[in-house]
Amino acid sequence: MIQDLQDFAAGFPEAAQWLGVALVSAIPFVESYFGSIIGVLLGLHPAIAIAVAVIGNIVSMAIVVIAAGAVRQRATRGSTKELSPRRAKLKQRFDRFGVAGVSLLGQTLLPSQITSAAMVSFGASRNAVLFWQTISIILWGTAFGVLAAFGVNLAA
């Protein structure tokens, strides 16, 4: 799958490959971390690869957070629903680690779009989720982009 995404981004004209990286980074499970790797492997400068991967991931996450907030507002008007076992487990982690902890550590298990939507559905502030998810996306994208850059330079 990563190779297919890399081929997709490489299919853009060389001057616009950054756009391909931003688009693939908006996909859940690809995110900023794999997007930055794809950008580095395509030959983009690591700073550009990381930046466009982060931007693509943040834009898609923000859309999900805003939509989840709107859905939650409509769905919770005077009602409470029982959580499924899977959502109950996620809520327990949310209650334990808070928005910051889930945002920073959640990317090891689930995409930012899913964790951010879940946090908003549990009642977390949209602004807090947007802030901490953005920090997380930047950190993860930078870490993986730097590792890819060093790996590519070491192999050359």
C-alpha atoms as a PDB file:
ATOM      1  CA  MET A   1       0.000   0.000   0.000  1.00  0.00           C
ATOM      2  CA  ILE A   2       2.783   2.469   0.878  1.00  0.00           C
ATOM      3  CA  GLN A   3       4.376   1.796  -2.489  1.00  0.00           C
ATOM      4  CA  ASP A   4       1.057   2.563  -4.209  1.00  0.00           C
ATOM      5  CA  LEU A   5       0.770   5.830  -2.303  1.00  0.00           C
ATOM      6  CA  GLN A   6       4.351   6.704  -3.156  1.00  0.00           C
ATOM      7  CA  ASP A   7       3.608   5.973  -6.824  1.00  0.00           C
ATOM      8  CA  PHE A   8       0.508   8.182  -6.596  1.00  0.00           C
ATOM      9  CA  ALA A   9       2.528  11.117  -5.222  1.00  0.00           C
ATOM     10  CA  ALA A  10       5.323  10.484  -7.735  1.00  0.00           C
ATOM     11  CA  GLY A  11       2.748  10.654 -10.527  1.00  0.00           C
ATOM     12  CA  PHE A  12       2.370  14.396  -9.984  1.00  0.00           C
ATOM     13  CA  PRO A  13       4.650  16.698 -11.968  1.00  0.00           C
ATOM     14  CA  GLU A  14       7.928  17.083 -10.098  1.00  0.00           C
ATOM     15  CA  ALA A  15       7.133  20.661  -9.048  1.00  0.00           C
ATOM     16  CA  ALA A  16       3.796  19.513  -7.570  1.00  0.00           C
ATOM     17  CA  GLN A  17       4.818  16.269  -5.846  1.00  0.00           C
ATOM     18  CA  TRP A  18       4.433  18.072  -2.542  1.00  0.00           C
ATOM     19  CA  LEU A  19       0.687  18.194  -3.274  1.00  0.00           C
ATOM     20  CA  GLY A  20       0.623  14.416  -3.717  1.00  0.00           C
ATOM     21  CA  VAL A  21       2.382  14.017  -0.353  1.00  0.00           C
ATOM     22  CA  ALA A  22      -0.159  16.323   1.320  1.00  0.00           C
ATOM     23  CA  LEU A  23      -3.041  14.340  -0.180  1.00  0.00           C
ATOM     24  CA  VAL A  24      -1.752  10.929   0.903  1.00  0.00           C
ATOM     25  CA  SER A  25      -1.004  12.316   4.377  1.00  0.00           C
ATOM     26  CA  ALA A  26      -4.683  13.145   4.767  1.00  0.00           C
ATOM     27  CA  ILE A  27      -5.514   9.425   4.636  1.00  0.00           C
ATOM     28  CA  PRO A  28      -6.074   7.737   8.017  1.00  0.00           C
ATOM     29  CA  PHE A  29      -3.266   5.322   8.928  1.00  0.00           C
ATOM     30  CA  VAL A  30      -0.914   7.110   6.492  1.00  0.00           C
ATOM     31  CA  GLU A  31      -0.918  10.391   8.404  1.00  0.00           C
ATOM     32  CA  SER A  32       2.037  12.726   8.784  1.00  0.00           C
ATOM     33  CA  TYR A  33       4.464   9.999   9.781  1.00  0.00           C
ATOM     34  CA  PHE A  34       4.209   7.864   6.638  1.00  0.00           C
ATOM     35  CA  GLY A  35       3.512  10.941   4.500  1.00  0.00           C
ATOM     36  CA  SER A  36       6.797  12.522   5.540  1.00  0.00           C
ATOM     37  CA  ILE A  37       8.634   9.288   4.756  1.00  0.00           C
ATOM     38  CA  ILE A  38       6.997   9.134   1.322  1.00  0.00           C
ATOM     39  CA  GLY A  39       8.003  12.735   0.669  1.00  0.00           C
ATOM     40  CA  VAL A  40      11.609  12.130   1.684  1.00  0.00           C
ATOM     41  CA  LEU A  41      11.783   8.983  -0.450  1.00  0.00           C
ATOM     42  CA  LEU A  42      10.428  10.956  -3.412  1.00  0.00           C
ATOM     43  CA  GLY A  43      13.369  13.294  -3.069  1.00  0.00           C
ATOM     44  CA  LEU A  44      11.631  16.286  -1.541  1.00  0.00           C
ATOM     45  CA  HIS A  45      13.726  18.289   0.886  1.00  0.00           C
ATOM     46  CA  PRO A  46      12.962  16.804   4.341  1.00  0.00           C
ATOM     47  CA  ALA A  47      11.618  20.121   5.675  1.00  0.00           C
ATOM     48  CA  ILE A  48       9.174  20.360   2.763  1.00  0.00           C
ATOM     49  CA  ALA A  49       8.206  16.689   3.005  1.00  0.00           C
ATOM     50  CA  ILE A  50       7.502  17.029   6.711  1.00  0.00           C
ATOM     51  CA  ALA A  51       5.638  20.333   6.347  1.00  0.00           C
ATOM     52  CA  VAL A  52       3.272  19.184   3.601  1.00  0.00           C
ATOM     53  CA  ALA A  53       2.670  15.834   5.328  1.00  0.00           C
ATOM     54  CA  VAL A  54       1.804  17.652   8.538  1.00  0.00           C
ATOM     55  CA  ILE A  55      -0.475  20.105   6.730  1.00  0.00           C
ATOM     56  CA  GLY A  56      -2.328  17.325   4.886  1.00  0.00           C
ATOM     57  CA  ASN A  57      -2.854  15.391   8.121  1.00  0.00           C
ATOM     58  CA  ILE A  58      -3.933  18.470  10.104  1.00  0.00           C
ATOM     59  CA  VAL A  59      -6.470  19.531   7.481  1.00  0.00           C
ATOM     60  CA  SER A  60      -8.146  16.103   7.388  1.00  0.00           C
ATOM     61  CA  MET A  61      -8.111  15.821  11.197  1.00  0.00           C
ATOM     62  CA  ALA A  62      -9.609  19.312  11.579  1.00  0.00           C
ATOM     63  CA  ILE A  63     -12.433  18.478   9.182  1.00  0.00           C
ATOM     64  CA  VAL A  64     -13.212  15.343  11.199  1.00  0.00           C
ATOM     65  CA  VAL A  65     -13.119  17.230  14.522  1.00  0.00           C
ATOM     66  CA  ILE A  66     -15.437  19.959  13.273  1.00  0.00           C
ATOM     67  CA  ALA A  67     -17.839  17.402  11.798  1.00  0.00           C
ATOM     68  CA  ALA A  68     -17.747  15.218  14.923  1.00  0.00           C
ATOM     69  CA  GLY A  69     -18.465  18.245  17.090  1.00  0.00           C
ATOM     70  CA  ALA A  70     -21.470  19.176  15.000  1.00  0.00           C
ATOM     71  CA  VAL A  71     -22.787  15.608  15.044  1.00  0.00           C
ATOM     72  CA  ARG A  72     -22.273  15.361  18.804  1.00  0.00           C
ATOM     73  CA  GLN A  73     -24.181  18.600  19.376  1.00  0.00           C
ATOM     74  CA  ARG A  74     -27.167  17.313  17.433  1.00  0.00           C
ATOM     75  CA  ALA A  75     -27.031  13.779  18.823  1.00  0.00           C
ATOM     76  CA  THR A  76     -26.701  14.631  22.500  1.00  0.00           C
ATOM     77  CA  ARG A  77     -29.561  17.064  22.850  1.00  0.00           C
ATOM     78  CA  GLY A  78     -31.169  15.628  25.960  1.00  0.00           C
ATOM     79  CA  SER A  79     -30.081  12.022  25.485  1.00  0.00           C
ATOM     80  CA  THR A  80     -27.434   9.636  26.743  1.00  0.00           C
ATOM     81  CA  LYS A  81     -26.362   6.453  25.000  1.00  0.00           C
ATOM     82  CA  GLU A  82     -24.556   3.453  26.378  1.00  0.00           C
ATOM     83  CA  LEU A  83     -21.122   2.920  24.860  1.00  0.00           C
ATOM     84  CA  SER A  84     -20.110  -0.213  22.992  1.00  0.00           C
ATOM     85  CA  PRO A  85     -17.336  -2.223  24.709  1.00  0.00           C
ATOM     86  CA  ARG A  86     -14.745  -0.885  22.269  1.00  0.00           C
ATOM     87  CA  ARG A  87     -15.791   2.745  22.755  1.00  0.00           C
ATOM     88  CA  ALA A  88     -15.994   2.207  26.523  1.00  0.00           C
ATOM     89  CA  LYS A  89     -12.352   1.075  26.500  1.00  0.00           C
ATOM     90  CA  LEU A  90     -11.350   4.130  24.471  1.00  0.00           C
ATOM     91  CA  LYS A  91     -13.324   6.390  26.844  1.00  0.00           C
ATOM     92  CA  GLN A  92     -11.558   4.814  29.823  1.00  0.00           C
ATOM     93  CA  ARG A  93      -8.181   5.668  28.253  1.00  0.00           C
ATOM     94  CA  PHE A  94      -9.438   9.154  27.463  1.00  0.00           C
ATOM     95  CA  ASP A  95     -10.505   9.665  31.079  1.00  0.00           C
ATOM     96  CA  ARG A  96      -7.141   8.376  32.295  1.00  0.00           C
ATOM     97  CA  PHE A  97      -4.789  10.292  29.973  1.00  0.00           C
ATOM     98  CA  GLY A  98      -6.855  13.317  28.949  1.00  0.00           C
ATOM     99  CA  VAL A  99      -6.832  15.073  25.598  1.00  0.00           C
ATOM    100  CA  ALA A 100      -3.065  15.687  25.625  1.00  0.00           C
ATOM    101  CA  GLY A 101      -2.134  12.108  26.491  1.00  0.00           C
ATOM    102  CA  VAL A 102      -4.538  10.509  24.035  1.00  0.00           C
ATOM    103  CA  SER A 103      -3.424  12.898  21.298  1.00  0.00           C
ATOM    104  CA  LEU A 104       0.285  12.316  21.828  1.00  0.00           C
ATOM    105  CA  LEU A 105       0.133   8.565  22.452  1.00  0.00           C
ATOM    106  CA  GLY A 106      -2.990   7.639  20.507  1.00  0.00           C
ATOM    107  CA  GLN A 107      -1.210   7.720  17.160  1.00  0.00           C
ATOM    108  CA  THR A 108       0.600   4.543  18.127  1.00  0.00           C
ATOM    109  CA  LEU A 109      -2.741   2.706  17.968  1.00  0.00           C
ATOM    110  CA  LEU A 110      -5.224   4.653  15.869  1.00  0.00           C
ATOM    111  CA  PRO A 111      -5.158   7.440  13.288  1.00  0.00           C
ATOM    112  CA  SER A 112      -5.546  11.020  14.483  1.00  0.00           C
ATOM    113  CA  GLN A 113      -8.886  11.288  12.700  1.00  0.00           C
ATOM    114  CA  ILE A 114     -10.386   8.414  14.707  1.00  0.00           C
ATOM    115  CA  THR A 115      -8.958   9.407  18.088  1.00  0.00           C
ATOM    116  CA  SER A 116      -9.919  13.055  17.614  1.00  0.00           C
ATOM    117  CA  ALA A 117     -13.490  12.179  16.613  1.00  0.00           C
ATOM    118  CA  ALA A 118     -13.766   9.842  19.609  1.00  0.00           C
ATOM    119  CA  MET A 119     -12.506  12.491  22.020  1.00  0.00           C
ATOM    120  CA  VAL A 120     -14.981  15.059  20.720  1.00  0.00           C
ATOM    121  CA  SER A 121     -17.771  12.493  20.948  1.00  0.00           C
ATOM    122  CA  PHE A 122     -16.840  11.940  24.611  1.00  0.00           C
ATOM    123  CA  GLY A 123     -17.290  15.647  25.255  1.00  0.00           C
ATOM    124  CA  ALA A 124     -13.745  17.001  24.916  1.00  0.00           C
ATOM    125  CA  SER A 125     -13.380  20.583  23.780  1.00  0.00           C
ATOM    126  CA  ARG A 126     -12.965  20.841  20.008  1.00  0.00           C
ATOM    127  CA  ASN A 127     -10.304  23.502  20.501  1.00  0.00           C
ATOM    128  CA  ALA A 128      -8.332  21.352  22.937  1.00  0.00           C
ATOM    129  CA  VAL A 129      -8.511  18.382  20.571  1.00  0.00           C
ATOM    130  CA  LEU A 130      -7.437  20.506  17.604  1.00  0.00           C
ATOM    131  CA  PHE A 131      -4.535  21.983  19.593  1.00  0.00           C
ATOM    132  CA  TRP A 132      -3.174  18.704  20.993  1.00  0.00           C
ATOM    133  CA  GLN A 133      -3.728  16.721  17.817  1.00  0.00           C
ATOM    134  CA  THR A 134      -1.845  19.392  15.883  1.00  0.00           C
ATOM    135  CA  ILE A 135       1.068  19.143  18.329  1.00  0.00           C
ATOM    136  CA  SER A 136       1.010  15.355  18.009  1.00  0.00           C
ATOM    137  CA  ILE A 137       0.855  15.400  14.207  1.00  0.00           C
ATOM    138  CA  ILE A 138       3.808  17.797  14.065  1.00  0.00           C
ATOM    139  CA  LEU A 139       5.877  15.701  16.477  1.00  0.00           C
ATOM    140  CA  TRP A 140       5.165  12.349  14.809  1.00  0.00           C
ATOM    141  CA  GLY A 141       5.628  13.728  11.294  1.00  0.00           C
ATOM    142  CA  THR A 142       8.892  15.416  12.223  1.00  0.00           C
ATOM    143  CA  ALA A 143      10.268  12.343  13.991  1.00  0.00           C
ATOM    144  CA  PHE A 144       9.539  10.004  11.101  1.00  0.00           C
ATOM    145  CA  GLY A 145      10.630  12.524   8.467  1.00  0.00           C
ATOM    146  CA  VAL A 146      13.967  13.082  10.207  1.00  0.00           C
ATOM    147  CA  LEU A 147      14.496   9.346  10.590  1.00  0.00           C
ATOM    148  CA  ALA A 148      13.724   8.848   6.902  1.00  0.00           C
ATOM    149  CA  ALA A 149      16.090  11.659   5.928  1.00  0.00           C
ATOM    150  CA  PHE A 150      18.921  10.170   7.948  1.00  0.00           C
ATOM    151  CA  GLY A 151      18.149   6.702   6.636  1.00  0.00           C
ATOM    152  CA  VAL A 152      18.170   7.884   3.033  1.00  0.00           C
ATOM    153  CA  ASN A 153      21.431   9.821   3.550  1.00  0.00           C
ATOM    154  CA  LEU A 154      23.088   6.883   5.275  1.00  0.00           C
ATOM    155  CA  ALA A 155      22.131   4.539   2.441  1.00  0.00           C
ATOM    156  CA  ALA A 156      23.436   6.879  -0.258  1.00  0.00           C
END
